Amino acid sequence: MKSPRFYYCQCAQSNARTFSPLKSLLPDHIAPELTYLETKWASLVSFGITVDLLKEVLPINASLCAESVRNHLHKSARRLEAELGEEQLFFVETRQSTRAALPVPEGPITVGIDGGYVRCRDNGQSHFEVVVGKSIPQDRPDRYLGLVQTHDAKPRRRLHELLKDQGWQENQCVTFMTDGGDSVRDLAWHMAPASEHILDWFHITMRLTVIGQYVKGLNHVNPKDGEQIGRLLRQIKGYLWNGNLHEGKIVIEDLTCDLEEVETSYASIKALRKAAAEFQTYIENNADMIPNYAERRRYGERVSTGFVESTVNAVVGKRFGKKQQMRWSKSGAHLLLQTRTRALDGTLRQKFEQWYPGMKCETQDPAFDKLAA
């Protein structure tokens, strides 16, 4: 677009001699609608494919390149970052008496948080962890969360604002489900006063399955010992499933002791002992997050973060990995996660309409639709 400049009148009090009317309309030197398309499409597919799509559907000259699209996306993501408040350790802002006077909240919210890994661009580090989450209210649309915790200065504030956007209030129950890792567990701790923290059953069974695979190998060398260890594993799984943590810890202790006393030529016995010891530490560290899974299942409540496993694949795998050769900086991955999560849960358009009210679509008169039909 041509952007002519005009001289100010001599009677005008201005330090500048000239001005551009177009710049006052488009201060970012790009139409907000185009910025939105670049941001959304680049959040879903690669920067290069985004350029090809834009050139296919819009009369855009050859100067548009993948780097320009990436810079525009980063600018939008930084604007999202600037809207976040200050980071806090605790977000309980009211007293118990004040929370008791709040109106009856909507249904409970379930938040699942897990981690994934992205190839790193920096030398000396092959991968870094990204944290991905999904918030599922009972009566509102789902929302996604994504961040690089080693880069993000406001991870807890980010989660808090996501819950607030979903209508959460301080007397509303929130269930946080994690894999028990320090990075994801610390993110959700002390986030809501009426909250419960649950260790994902899937990650418990996954560790037991690994131990069980070693035990199958032990069965071929020492059938008697293998049968005994296998029986202990079944007992552990049953106790933990029914929330009997006391008995479960006792059997886990028996398991590790029996493995130390086994005399065998089994080649993977050291790996089996190590896996059992790590499982014992894992359960002890997350003992306060182990409920009665059987009871939760009977009442139709979630016991696993299977929905988050698919979220990790949708948010991280399909854009940052999955046979793609691109490596990422922590800041670049973090900024892309902010726009990608909004593109996936459908809130990116709302945010652009908030920034640029002129982008809002006018509601068409139903009578006109009826007449057109």
Foldseek 3Di string as FASTA:
>chain_A
DDWDKDADDPVDDDPDGIDTPVCVVVVVPDDLVVLLQLQLVCLQAPLQVSVVVCVVPDVDDPPDDSVVSLVSLLVVLVVVVVPFDDADLADPDDDPVVLVPDPDDAAEKEKEKEKDWFQAPDPPDGIAIKMKMKIDGPPFFIFIDIARVVPDPHLLSRVLVVCVVRVDDQNHEYEYEYQQDPVRVSSCPNSHPRYAYAHAPVNLVVLLVVLLVLLVLVCVWPVVLSVVLVVLSVVLNVCLLQLVVVVNLVSLVVNLVSLVPDDTPRPCSVVSSVSSVVSSVSCVSCVRRRGNNVVCVVVVHDRHVPVVVVVCCNNPVSHRHDPDDDHDHNSSSRSSSSSSRCSVRVCSQVVSCVVPVVPDDDDDDVVVVVVVD
